[in-house]
C-alpha atoms as a PDB file:
ATOM      1  CA  MET A   1      27.491  -3.979  -6.472  1.00  0.00           C
ATOM      2  CA  ALA A   2      23.916  -3.787  -7.721  1.00  0.00           C
ATOM      3  CA  ASP A   3      22.212  -0.395  -7.737  1.00  0.00           C
ATOM      4  CA  LEU A   4      18.885  -0.977  -6.008  1.00  0.00           C
ATOM      5  CA  SER A   5      17.777   2.649  -6.086  1.00  0.00           C
ATOM      6  CA  VAL A   6      14.521   3.639  -7.751  1.00  0.00           C
ATOM      7  CA  LYS A   7      12.835   6.975  -8.408  1.00  0.00           C
ATOM      8  CA  ILE A   8       9.069   7.346  -8.181  1.00  0.00           C
ATOM      9  CA  ALA A   9       7.348  10.663  -8.893  1.00  0.00           C
ATOM     10  CA  GLY A  10      10.640  12.449  -8.340  1.00  0.00           C
ATOM     11  CA  VAL A  11      11.258  10.785  -4.960  1.00  0.00           C
ATOM     12  CA  GLU A  12      14.480   8.793  -4.570  1.00  0.00           C
ATOM     13  CA  PHE A  13      14.310   5.423  -2.801  1.00  0.00           C
ATOM     14  CA  PRO A  14      17.609   3.658  -1.951  1.00  0.00           C
ATOM     15  CA  ASN A  15      15.883   0.348  -2.661  1.00  0.00           C
ATOM     16  CA  PRO A  16      12.388  -0.640  -3.857  1.00  0.00           C
ATOM     17  CA  VAL A  17      11.148  -2.338  -0.679  1.00  0.00           C
ATOM     18  CA  ILE A  18       8.523  -0.375   1.244  1.00  0.00           C
ATOM     19  CA  ALA A  19       6.745  -1.460   4.414  1.00  0.00           C
ATOM     20  CA  ALA A  20       3.022  -1.477   3.639  1.00  0.00           C
ATOM     21  CA  SER A  21       0.541   0.614   5.570  1.00  0.00           C
ATOM     22  CA  GLY A  22      -1.104  -1.157   8.473  1.00  0.00           C
ATOM     23  CA  ALA A  23       1.498  -3.886   8.791  1.00  0.00           C
ATOM     24  CA  TYR A  24       4.357  -1.796  10.140  1.00  0.00           C
ATOM     25  CA  GLY A  25       2.693   0.818  12.325  1.00  0.00           C
ATOM     26  CA  ASN A  26       4.852   3.900  12.080  1.00  0.00           C
ATOM     27  CA  GLY A  27       8.017   1.843  12.392  1.00  0.00           C
ATOM     28  CA  GLU A  28       8.255   2.248  16.150  1.00  0.00           C
ATOM     29  CA  CYS A  29       7.957  -1.488  16.871  1.00  0.00           C
ATOM     30  CA  TYR A  30      10.873  -2.436  14.611  1.00  0.00           C
ATOM     31  CA  THR A  31      13.641  -0.019  15.593  1.00  0.00           C
ATOM     32  CA  ASP A  32      15.093  -2.546  18.077  1.00  0.00           C
ATOM     33  CA  LEU A  33      15.476  -5.092  15.254  1.00  0.00           C
ATOM     34  CA  TYR A  34      17.142  -2.966  12.565  1.00  0.00           C
ATOM     35  CA  HIS A  35      17.458   0.646  11.544  1.00  0.00           C
ATOM     36  CA  LEU A  36      14.482   1.767   9.496  1.00  0.00           C
ATOM     37  CA  SER A  37      16.860   3.207   6.894  1.00  0.00           C
ATOM     38  CA  ARG A  38      17.487  -0.380   5.758  1.00  0.00           C
ATOM     39  CA  LEU A  39      14.131  -0.167   3.986  1.00  0.00           C
ATOM     40  CA  GLY A  40      13.430   1.841   0.871  1.00  0.00           C
ATOM     41  CA  GLY A  41      10.568   3.538   2.671  1.00  0.00           C
ATOM     42  CA  ILE A  42       7.648   3.192   5.043  1.00  0.00           C
ATOM     43  CA  SER A  43       3.959   3.703   4.330  1.00  0.00           C
ATOM     44  CA  CYS A  44       2.680   4.689   7.751  1.00  0.00           C
ATOM     45  CA  LYS A  45      -0.439   3.416   9.510  1.00  0.00           C
ATOM     46  CA  GLY A  46      -3.514   4.694   7.704  1.00  0.00           C
ATOM     47  CA  MET A  47      -4.693   7.964   9.210  1.00  0.00           C
ATOM     48  CA  THR A  48      -7.969   9.839   9.221  1.00  0.00           C
ATOM     49  CA  ARG A  49      -9.154  13.350  10.021  1.00  0.00           C
ATOM     50  CA  GLU A  50     -10.082  12.385  13.599  1.00  0.00           C
ATOM     51  CA  PRO A  51      -8.998   9.408  15.736  1.00  0.00           C
ATOM     52  CA  LYS A  52     -10.830   6.128  15.097  1.00  0.00           C
ATOM     53  CA  ASN A  53     -11.329   3.211  17.484  1.00  0.00           C
ATOM     54  CA  GLY A  54     -11.765   0.724  14.659  1.00  0.00           C
ATOM     55  CA  ASN A  55     -14.068  -2.285  14.626  1.00  0.00           C
ATOM     56  CA  LEU A  56     -15.025  -4.506  17.538  1.00  0.00           C
ATOM     57  CA  PRO A  57     -12.996  -7.712  17.994  1.00  0.00           C
ATOM     58  CA  PRO A  58     -12.415 -10.371  16.811  1.00  0.00           C
ATOM     59  CA  ARG A  59     -10.670  -8.422  14.038  1.00  0.00           C
ATOM     60  CA  ILE A  60      -8.124 -10.959  12.747  1.00  0.00           C
ATOM     61  CA  ALA A  61      -8.654 -14.460  11.377  1.00  0.00           C
ATOM     62  CA  GLU A  62      -6.166 -16.903   9.880  1.00  0.00           C
ATOM     63  CA  THR A  63      -6.823 -18.311   6.428  1.00  0.00           C
ATOM     64  CA  PRO A  64      -4.968 -20.825   4.249  1.00  0.00           C
ATOM     65  CA  SER A  65      -1.875 -18.930   3.035  1.00  0.00           C
ATOM     66  CA  GLY A  66      -3.017 -15.642   4.471  1.00  0.00           C
ATOM     67  CA  MET A  67      -5.099 -13.696   6.946  1.00  0.00           C
ATOM     68  CA  LEU A  68      -8.313 -11.715   7.165  1.00  0.00           C
ATOM     69  CA  ASN A  69      -8.449  -8.396   8.973  1.00  0.00           C
ATOM     70  CA  SER A  70     -11.244  -6.012   9.815  1.00  0.00           C
ATOM     71  CA  VAL A  71      -9.308  -3.632  12.055  1.00  0.00           C
ATOM     72  CA  GLY A  72     -11.380  -0.763  10.720  1.00  0.00           C
ATOM     73  CA  LEU A  73      -8.649   1.851  10.318  1.00  0.00           C
ATOM     74  CA  GLN A  74      -8.012   2.266  14.035  1.00  0.00           C
ATOM     75  CA  ASN A  75      -5.642   5.231  14.328  1.00  0.00           C
ATOM     76  CA  ILE A  76      -4.778   8.283  16.407  1.00  0.00           C
ATOM     77  CA  GLY A  77      -5.733  10.831  13.752  1.00  0.00           C
ATOM     78  CA  VAL A  78      -3.572  12.919  11.456  1.00  0.00           C
ATOM     79  CA  HIS A  79      -2.821  15.673  13.976  1.00  0.00           C
ATOM     80  CA  SER A  80      -1.537  13.253  16.608  1.00  0.00           C
ATOM     81  CA  PHE A  81       0.549  11.498  13.943  1.00  0.00           C
ATOM     82  CA  VAL A  82       2.170  14.809  13.025  1.00  0.00           C
ATOM     83  CA  ASP A  83       2.722  15.746  16.677  1.00  0.00           C
ATOM     84  CA  TYR A  84       4.024  12.418  18.009  1.00  0.00           C
ATOM     85  CA  TYR A  85       5.368  10.259  15.184  1.00  0.00           C
ATOM     86  CA  LEU A  86       6.408  12.264  12.150  1.00  0.00           C
ATOM     87  CA  ASP A  87       9.696  13.626  13.500  1.00  0.00           C
ATOM     88  CA  MET A  88      10.771  10.188  14.734  1.00  0.00           C
ATOM     89  CA  VAL A  89       9.996   8.344  11.544  1.00  0.00           C
ATOM     90  CA  LYS A  90      11.556  11.082   9.391  1.00  0.00           C
ATOM     91  CA  GLN A  91      14.797  10.808  11.385  1.00  0.00           C
ATOM     92  CA  GLU A  92      14.880   7.021  11.098  1.00  0.00           C
ATOM     93  CA  ALA A  93      13.496   6.215   7.639  1.00  0.00           C
ATOM     94  CA  ASN A  94      14.495   7.098   4.090  1.00  0.00           C
ATOM     95  CA  VAL A  95      11.159   7.847   2.443  1.00  0.00           C
ATOM     96  CA  VAL A  96       8.092   8.407   4.604  1.00  0.00           C
ATOM     97  CA  ILE A  97       4.695   7.915   2.993  1.00  0.00           C
ATOM     98  CA  ALA A  98       1.521   8.993   4.776  1.00  0.00           C
ATOM     99  CA  ASN A  99      -1.431   6.715   4.071  1.00  0.00           C
ATOM    100  CA  ILE A 100      -4.721   8.602   4.330  1.00  0.00           C
ATOM    101  CA  ALA A 101      -8.380   7.571   4.436  1.00  0.00           C
ATOM    102  CA  GLY A 102     -11.769   9.188   4.652  1.00  0.00           C
ATOM    103  CA  ALA A 103     -15.517   8.665   4.505  1.00  0.00           C
ATOM    104  CA  THR A 104     -16.144  11.899   2.588  1.00  0.00           C
ATOM    105  CA  ILE A 105     -14.246  14.065   0.122  1.00  0.00           C
ATOM    106  CA  ASP A 106     -13.910  16.712   2.846  1.00  0.00           C
ATOM    107  CA  ASP A 107     -12.197  14.140   5.084  1.00  0.00           C
ATOM    108  CA  TYR A 108      -9.568  13.353   2.445  1.00  0.00           C
ATOM    109  CA  VAL A 109      -9.006  17.044   1.726  1.00  0.00           C
ATOM    110  CA  ALA A 110      -8.578  17.956   5.390  1.00  0.00           C
ATOM    111  CA  VAL A 111      -5.995  15.230   5.997  1.00  0.00           C
ATOM    112  CA  ALA A 112      -4.100  16.072   2.792  1.00  0.00           C
ATOM    113  CA  GLU A 113      -4.022  19.772   3.633  1.00  0.00           C
ATOM    114  CA  THR A 114      -2.652  19.018   7.102  1.00  0.00           C
ATOM    115  CA  LEU A 115       0.107  16.820   5.684  1.00  0.00           C
ATOM    116  CA  ASP A 116       0.920  19.302   2.928  1.00  0.00           C
ATOM    117  CA  ALA A 117       2.298  21.648   5.591  1.00  0.00           C
ATOM    118  CA  THR A 118       4.718  18.962   6.861  1.00  0.00           C
ATOM    119  CA  ASN A 119       7.913  17.346   5.581  1.00  0.00           C
ATOM    120  CA  ILE A 120       6.195  14.074   4.663  1.00  0.00           C
ATOM    121  CA  ASP A 121       7.613  12.740   1.383  1.00  0.00           C
ATOM    122  CA  MET A 122       4.521  11.300  -0.298  1.00  0.00           C
ATOM    123  CA  ILE A 123       0.828  10.720   0.364  1.00  0.00           C
ATOM    124  CA  GLU A 124      -0.816   7.358  -0.352  1.00  0.00           C
ATOM    125  CA  VAL A 125      -4.587   7.660  -0.736  1.00  0.00           C
ATOM    126  CA  ASN A 126      -6.612   4.652   0.383  1.00  0.00           C
ATOM    127  CA  ILE A 127      -9.732   4.639  -1.801  1.00  0.00           C
ATOM    128  CA  SER A 128     -10.997   1.337  -0.365  1.00  0.00           C
ATOM    129  CA  CYS A 129     -12.850   3.320   2.315  1.00  0.00           C
ATOM    130  CA  PRO A 130     -16.667   3.333   2.374  1.00  0.00           C
ATOM    131  CA  ASN A 131     -18.241   6.413   0.807  1.00  0.00           C
ATOM    132  CA  VAL A 132     -20.879   7.307   3.395  1.00  0.00           C
ATOM    133  CA  LYS A 133     -22.814   9.423   0.889  1.00  0.00           C
ATOM    134  CA  ALA A 134     -23.093   6.497  -1.524  1.00  0.00           C
ATOM    135  CA  GLY A 135     -24.547   3.950   0.856  1.00  0.00           C
ATOM    136  CA  GLY A 136     -21.203   2.685   2.130  1.00  0.00           C
ATOM    137  CA  ALA A 137     -19.782   1.492  -1.192  1.00  0.00           C
ATOM    138  CA  SER A 138     -16.026   1.878  -1.534  1.00  0.00           C
ATOM    139  CA  TRP A 139     -14.748   5.011  -3.277  1.00  0.00           C
ATOM    140  CA  GLY A 140     -12.469   2.804  -5.329  1.00  0.00           C
ATOM    141  CA  ILE A 141     -15.028   0.490  -6.911  1.00  0.00           C
ATOM    142  CA  SER A 142     -15.984   3.007  -9.610  1.00  0.00           C
ATOM    143  CA  ALA A 143     -13.948   5.189 -11.922  1.00  0.00           C
ATOM    144  CA  GLN A 144     -16.104   8.147 -10.899  1.00  0.00           C
ATOM    145  CA  GLY A 145     -15.417   7.653  -7.197  1.00  0.00           C
ATOM    146  CA  ALA A 146     -11.695   7.163  -7.725  1.00  0.00           C
ATOM    147  CA  ALA A 147     -11.547  10.254  -9.943  1.00  0.00           C
ATOM    148  CA  ALA A 148     -13.404  12.390  -7.405  1.00  0.00           C
ATOM    149  CA  VAL A 149     -11.073  11.531  -4.531  1.00  0.00           C
ATOM    150  CA  THR A 150      -7.940  11.864  -6.674  1.00  0.00           C
ATOM    151  CA  ALA A 151      -8.963  15.269  -8.030  1.00  0.00           C
ATOM    152  CA  ALA A 152      -9.786  16.612  -4.569  1.00  0.00           C
ATOM    153  CA  VAL A 153      -6.530  15.412  -2.993  1.00  0.00           C
ATOM    154  CA  ARG A 154      -4.547  16.694  -5.981  1.00  0.00           C
ATOM    155  CA  LYS A 155      -5.913  20.202  -5.353  1.00  0.00           C
ATOM    156  CA  ALA A 156      -5.241  19.948  -1.617  1.00  0.00           C
ATOM    157  CA  THR A 157      -1.516  19.134  -1.743  1.00  0.00           C
ATOM    158  CA  LYS A 158       1.635  19.634  -3.760  1.00  0.00           C
ATOM    159  CA  LYS A 159       3.075  16.392  -2.393  1.00  0.00           C
ATOM    160  CA  PRO A 160       3.376  13.435  -4.776  1.00  0.00           C
ATOM    161  CA  ILE A 161       0.227  11.336  -4.412  1.00  0.00           C
ATOM    162  CA  ILE A 162      -0.141   7.568  -4.740  1.00  0.00           C
ATOM    163  CA  ILE A 163      -3.640   6.201  -5.242  1.00  0.00           C
ATOM    164  CA  LYS A 164      -4.012   2.777  -3.591  1.00  0.00           C
ATOM    165  CA  LEU A 165      -6.439   0.671  -5.601  1.00  0.00           C
ATOM    166  CA  THR A 166      -8.896  -1.914  -4.350  1.00  0.00           C
ATOM    167  CA  PRO A 167      -8.995  -5.244  -6.230  1.00  0.00           C
ATOM    168  CA  ASN A 168     -12.712  -5.654  -5.547  1.00  0.00           C
ATOM    169  CA  VAL A 169     -13.688  -4.366  -8.996  1.00  0.00           C
ATOM    170  CA  THR A 170     -14.562  -5.731 -12.417  1.00  0.00           C
ATOM    171  CA  ASP A 171     -11.941  -3.800 -14.416  1.00  0.00           C
ATOM    172  CA  ILE A 172      -8.944  -2.499 -12.457  1.00  0.00           C
ATOM    173  CA  THR A 173      -7.570  -0.633 -15.478  1.00  0.00           C
ATOM    174  CA  GLU A 174     -10.564   1.724 -15.620  1.00  0.00           C
ATOM    175  CA  ILE A 175      -9.923   2.770 -12.026  1.00  0.00           C
ATOM    176  CA  ALA A 176      -6.196   3.199 -12.691  1.00  0.00           C
ATOM    177  CA  LYS A 177      -6.832   5.351 -15.746  1.00  0.00           C
ATOM    178  CA  ALA A 178      -9.314   7.519 -13.831  1.00  0.00           C
ATOM    179  CA  ALA A 179      -6.738   8.169 -11.096  1.00  0.00           C
ATOM    180  CA  GLU A 180      -4.063   8.990 -13.663  1.00  0.00           C
ATOM    181  CA  ALA A 181      -6.367  11.401 -15.507  1.00  0.00           C
ATOM    182  CA  GLU A 182      -7.067  13.350 -12.318  1.00  0.00           C
ATOM    183  CA  GLY A 183      -3.438  13.894 -11.390  1.00  0.00           C
ATOM    184  CA  ALA A 184      -2.188  10.816  -9.541  1.00  0.00           C
ATOM    185  CA  ASP A 185       1.604  10.601  -9.611  1.00  0.00           C
ATOM    186  CA  CYS A 186       1.594   6.867  -8.955  1.00  0.00           C
ATOM    187  CA  ILE A 187      -0.745   3.984  -8.174  1.00  0.00           C
ATOM    188  CA  SER A 188      -0.252   1.185  -5.659  1.00  0.00           C
ATOM    189  CA  LEU A 189      -2.075  -2.136  -5.819  1.00  0.00           C
ATOM    190  CA  ILE A 190      -3.557  -4.306  -4.643  1.00  0.00           C
ATOM    191  CA  ASN A 191      -5.312  -3.576  -1.399  1.00  0.00           C
ATOM    192  CA  THR A 192      -6.990  -6.540   0.300  1.00  0.00           C
ATOM    193  CA  LEU A 193      -9.610  -8.801  -1.265  1.00  0.00           C
ATOM    194  CA  LEU A 194     -12.935  -9.101   0.523  1.00  0.00           C
ATOM    195  CA  GLY A 195     -13.255 -12.430   2.325  1.00  0.00           C
ATOM    196  CA  MET A 196     -15.067 -14.276   5.109  1.00  0.00           C
ATOM    197  CA  ARG A 197     -14.564 -17.156   7.584  1.00  0.00           C
ATOM    198  CA  ILE A 198     -17.277 -18.946   9.551  1.00  0.00           C
ATOM    199  CA  ASN A 199     -17.001 -20.824  12.852  1.00  0.00           C
ATOM    200  CA  ILE A 200     -18.716 -24.146  12.113  1.00  0.00           C
ATOM    201  CA  ASN A 201     -19.423 -24.786  15.815  1.00  0.00           C
ATOM    202  CA  ASN A 202     -21.448 -21.676  16.603  1.00  0.00           C
ATOM    203  CA  ARG A 203     -22.318 -20.926  12.954  1.00  0.00           C
ATOM    204  CA  ARG A 204     -21.231 -17.314  13.285  1.00  0.00           C
ATOM    205  CA  PRO A 205     -18.606 -15.384  11.314  1.00  0.00           C
ATOM    206  CA  ILE A 206     -15.199 -15.461  12.960  1.00  0.00           C
ATOM    207  CA  LEU A 207     -14.840 -11.710  12.466  1.00  0.00           C
ATOM    208  CA  HIS A 208     -17.212  -9.436  14.382  1.00  0.00           C
ATOM    209  CA  ASN A 209     -17.520  -7.338  11.232  1.00  0.00           C
ATOM    210  CA  ASN A 210     -18.575 -10.524   9.347  1.00  0.00           C
ATOM    211  CA  THR A 211     -16.171  -9.870   6.455  1.00  0.00           C
ATOM    212  CA  GLY A 212     -12.608  -8.637   6.228  1.00  0.00           C
ATOM    213  CA  GLY A 213      -9.704  -7.974   3.921  1.00  0.00           C
ATOM    214  CA  LEU A 214      -7.721 -10.989   2.716  1.00  0.00           C
ATOM    215  CA  SER A 215      -3.947 -10.569   2.459  1.00  0.00           C
ATOM    216  CA  GLY A 216      -0.915 -12.832   2.335  1.00  0.00           C
ATOM    217  CA  PRO A 217       0.493 -15.278  -0.249  1.00  0.00           C
ATOM    218  CA  ALA A 218      -2.985 -16.395  -1.329  1.00  0.00           C
ATOM    219  CA  VAL A 219      -3.632 -13.070  -3.081  1.00  0.00           C
ATOM    220  CA  PHE A 220      -0.247 -12.821  -4.816  1.00  0.00           C
ATOM    221  CA  PRO A 221      -1.299 -14.198  -8.242  1.00  0.00           C
ATOM    222  CA  VAL A 222      -4.248 -11.769  -8.310  1.00  0.00           C
ATOM    223  CA  ALA A 223      -1.914  -8.889  -7.487  1.00  0.00           C
ATOM    224  CA  VAL A 224       0.555  -9.853 -10.217  1.00  0.00           C
ATOM    225  CA  ARG A 225      -2.249 -10.035 -12.782  1.00  0.00           C
ATOM    226  CA  MET A 226      -3.668  -6.646 -11.830  1.00  0.00           C
ATOM    227  CA  VAL A 227      -0.262  -4.922 -11.796  1.00  0.00           C
ATOM    228  CA  TRP A 228       0.434  -6.358 -15.256  1.00  0.00           C
ATOM    229  CA  GLN A 229      -2.911  -5.105 -16.533  1.00  0.00           C
ATOM    230  CA  CYS A 230      -2.367  -1.624 -15.122  1.00  0.00           C
ATOM    231  CA  TYR A 231       1.167  -1.431 -16.497  1.00  0.00           C
ATOM    232  CA  GLY A 232      -0.333  -1.727 -19.953  1.00  0.00           C
ATOM    233  CA  ALA A 233      -3.022   0.851 -19.221  1.00  0.00           C
ATOM    234  CA  VAL A 234      -1.259   3.815 -17.548  1.00  0.00           C
ATOM    235  CA  LYS A 235       2.018   5.674 -17.885  1.00  0.00           C
ATOM    236  CA  ILE A 236       2.516   6.604 -14.229  1.00  0.00           C
ATOM    237  CA  PRO A 237       4.666   4.361 -11.973  1.00  0.00           C
ATOM    238  CA  ILE A 238       3.163   1.406 -10.143  1.00  0.00           C
ATOM    239  CA  ILE A 239       3.968   0.131  -6.656  1.00  0.00           C
ATOM    240  CA  GLY A 240       3.044  -3.543  -6.445  1.00  0.00           C
ATOM    241  CA  LEU A 241       1.832  -5.247  -3.293  1.00  0.00           C
ATOM    242  CA  GLY A 242      -0.285  -8.167  -2.218  1.00  0.00           C
ATOM    243  CA  GLY A 243       1.236 -11.353  -0.845  1.00  0.00           C
ATOM    244  CA  ILE A 244       4.906 -10.583  -1.554  1.00  0.00           C
ATOM    245  CA  SER A 245       6.966 -12.753   0.796  1.00  0.00           C
ATOM    246  CA  THR A 246      10.305 -13.420  -0.939  1.00  0.00           C
ATOM    247  CA  TRP A 247      12.764 -11.734  -3.260  1.00  0.00           C
ATOM    248  CA  GLU A 248      11.522 -14.026  -6.025  1.00  0.00           C
ATOM    249  CA  ASP A 249       8.030 -12.594  -5.501  1.00  0.00           C
ATOM    250  CA  ALA A 250       9.465  -9.087  -5.735  1.00  0.00           C
ATOM    251  CA  VAL A 251      11.195  -9.852  -9.039  1.00  0.00           C
ATOM    252  CA  GLU A 252       7.997 -11.372 -10.396  1.00  0.00           C
ATOM    253  CA  MET A 253       6.009  -8.294  -9.406  1.00  0.00           C
ATOM    254  CA  MET A 254       8.534  -5.997 -11.053  1.00  0.00           C
ATOM    255  CA  LEU A 255       8.513  -8.062 -14.245  1.00  0.00           C
ATOM    256  CA  ALA A 256       4.739  -7.537 -14.256  1.00  0.00           C
ATOM    257  CA  GLY A 257       5.260  -3.768 -14.157  1.00  0.00           C
ATOM    258  CA  ALA A 258       5.949  -2.569 -10.613  1.00  0.00           C
ATOM    259  CA  SER A 259       8.725  -0.019 -10.106  1.00  0.00           C
ATOM    260  CA  ALA A 260       8.749  -0.728  -6.361  1.00  0.00           C
ATOM    261  CA  ILE A 261       6.994  -3.111  -4.001  1.00  0.00           C
ATOM    262  CA  GLN A 262       5.345  -3.065  -0.595  1.00  0.00           C
ATOM    263  CA  MET A 263       5.325  -5.861   1.969  1.00  0.00           C
ATOM    264  CA  GLY A 264       2.658  -6.321   4.629  1.00  0.00           C
ATOM    265  CA  ALA A 265       1.409  -9.684   5.876  1.00  0.00           C
ATOM    266  CA  ALA A 266       4.835 -11.318   5.459  1.00  0.00           C
ATOM    267  CA  ILE A 267       6.188  -9.004   8.164  1.00  0.00           C
ATOM    268  CA  PHE A 268       3.824 -10.507  10.752  1.00  0.00           C
ATOM    269  CA  LYS A 269       5.382 -13.911  10.145  1.00  0.00           C
ATOM    270  CA  ASP A 270       8.955 -12.662   9.847  1.00  0.00           C
ATOM    271  CA  PRO A 271       9.817  -9.046  10.715  1.00  0.00           C
ATOM    272  CA  TYR A 272      13.103  -9.477   8.837  1.00  0.00           C
ATOM    273  CA  ALA A 273      11.313 -10.436   5.601  1.00  0.00           C
ATOM    274  CA  PRO A 274      11.853  -7.021   3.940  1.00  0.00           C
ATOM    275  CA  ILE A 275      15.583  -7.149   4.707  1.00  0.00           C
ATOM    276  CA  LYS A 276      15.819 -10.630   3.189  1.00  0.00           C
ATOM    277  CA  VAL A 277      14.053  -9.391   0.054  1.00  0.00           C
ATOM    278  CA  ILE A 278      16.466  -6.459  -0.294  1.00  0.00           C
ATOM    279  CA  ASP A 279      19.484  -8.763   0.064  1.00  0.00           C
ATOM    280  CA  GLY A 280      17.978 -11.293  -2.346  1.00  0.00           C
ATOM    281  CA  LEU A 281      17.321  -8.619  -4.972  1.00  0.00           C
ATOM    282  CA  ALA A 282      20.931  -7.469  -4.782  1.00  0.00           C
ATOM    283  CA  GLU A 283      22.218 -11.024  -5.265  1.00  0.00           C
ATOM    284  CA  TYR A 284      19.815 -11.619  -8.150  1.00  0.00           C
ATOM    285  CA  MET A 285      20.968  -8.455  -9.898  1.00  0.00           C
ATOM    286  CA  ASP A 286      24.648  -9.270  -9.451  1.00  0.00           C
ATOM    287  CA  LYS A 287      24.177 -12.849 -10.620  1.00  0.00           C
ATOM    288  CA  ASN A 288      22.282 -11.770 -13.749  1.00  0.00           C
ATOM    289  CA  GLY A 289      24.341  -8.698 -14.622  1.00  0.00           C
ATOM    290  CA  ILE A 290      21.458  -6.289 -13.985  1.00  0.00           C
ATOM    291  CA  LYS A 291      22.734  -2.789 -13.305  1.00  0.00           C
ATOM    292  CA  SER A 292      19.400  -1.091 -12.622  1.00  0.00           C
ATOM    293  CA  LEU A 293      16.023  -2.477 -11.586  1.00  0.00           C
ATOM    294  CA  SER A 294      14.448  -0.423 -14.353  1.00  0.00           C
ATOM    295  CA  GLU A 295      15.857  -3.057 -16.722  1.00  0.00           C
ATOM    296  CA  ILE A 296      13.300  -5.610 -15.514  1.00  0.00           C
ATOM    297  CA  VAL A 297      10.214  -3.464 -14.863  1.00  0.00           C
ATOM    298  CA  GLY A 298       7.412  -4.642 -17.134  1.00  0.00           C
ATOM    299  CA  GLN A 299       9.698  -7.005 -19.032  1.00  0.00           C
ATOM    300  CA  VAL A 300       7.572 -10.137 -18.792  1.00  0.00           C
ATOM    301  CA  GLN A 301       7.431 -11.790 -22.219  1.00  0.00           C
ATOM    302  CA  THR A 302       3.793 -12.775 -22.644  1.00  0.00           C
ATOM    303  CA  TYR A 303       2.535 -15.334 -25.148  1.00  0.00           C
END
């Protein structure tokens, strides 16, 4: 039988398939379908220092081969997550990753310090959030912003940290290298691409926030390209995400350089999609005589 296990920043995953933050809640909606331990891990709903109501609706719009969302990080806050969800998800899941967000450095530090005192396995840092002190520009669109958040979170916790990169940049490798230099144990990419839909009848944006994050199969080629670029730029592990729907997509992402993958939008269409990817990976490995997934990571043969 194929060995699907992977190790990232010292953390053992039984398989490389992780439910992406925002698409899986904290796993509570899926326990009636299958045991959460079937997955390699779960990246929990993004959490902030205090509860957030998120953006006004409409917050979701369909697109060709994908979806736009402008949920706005609606969440119950880190303290309520620890009090109400952490024990449950730790009992059910293999690896539990806390996804954190903030508008200021102090916000990120406060959330990281709170989680550092818990039994969470890893912390994923969403640097796509608007930096309120820089006019609302995302922390992750500059190497300086990414470095500042990474350095602050690194000092605030001993947990392994994953920096989740935004694709809305000119050179993704500069951001990846900045995160690595400031102590990131891993990077995950890509977060959503900025997009927009317009209602041609009333001539208004479909989303109340005007723009939103594009996810789904439409972004997959962009994600593969950026993972491949980052694999050649940094030495820390990469978790690839963005439009992965099938086991073939997962293999492709790993050939580009990902040690593990996350799935998000595909779960809305088929909640069993991650299970199908895990089973497909095992069959692919057995069929091709692959003993460890590390044998294919970054092994694309470019021209």
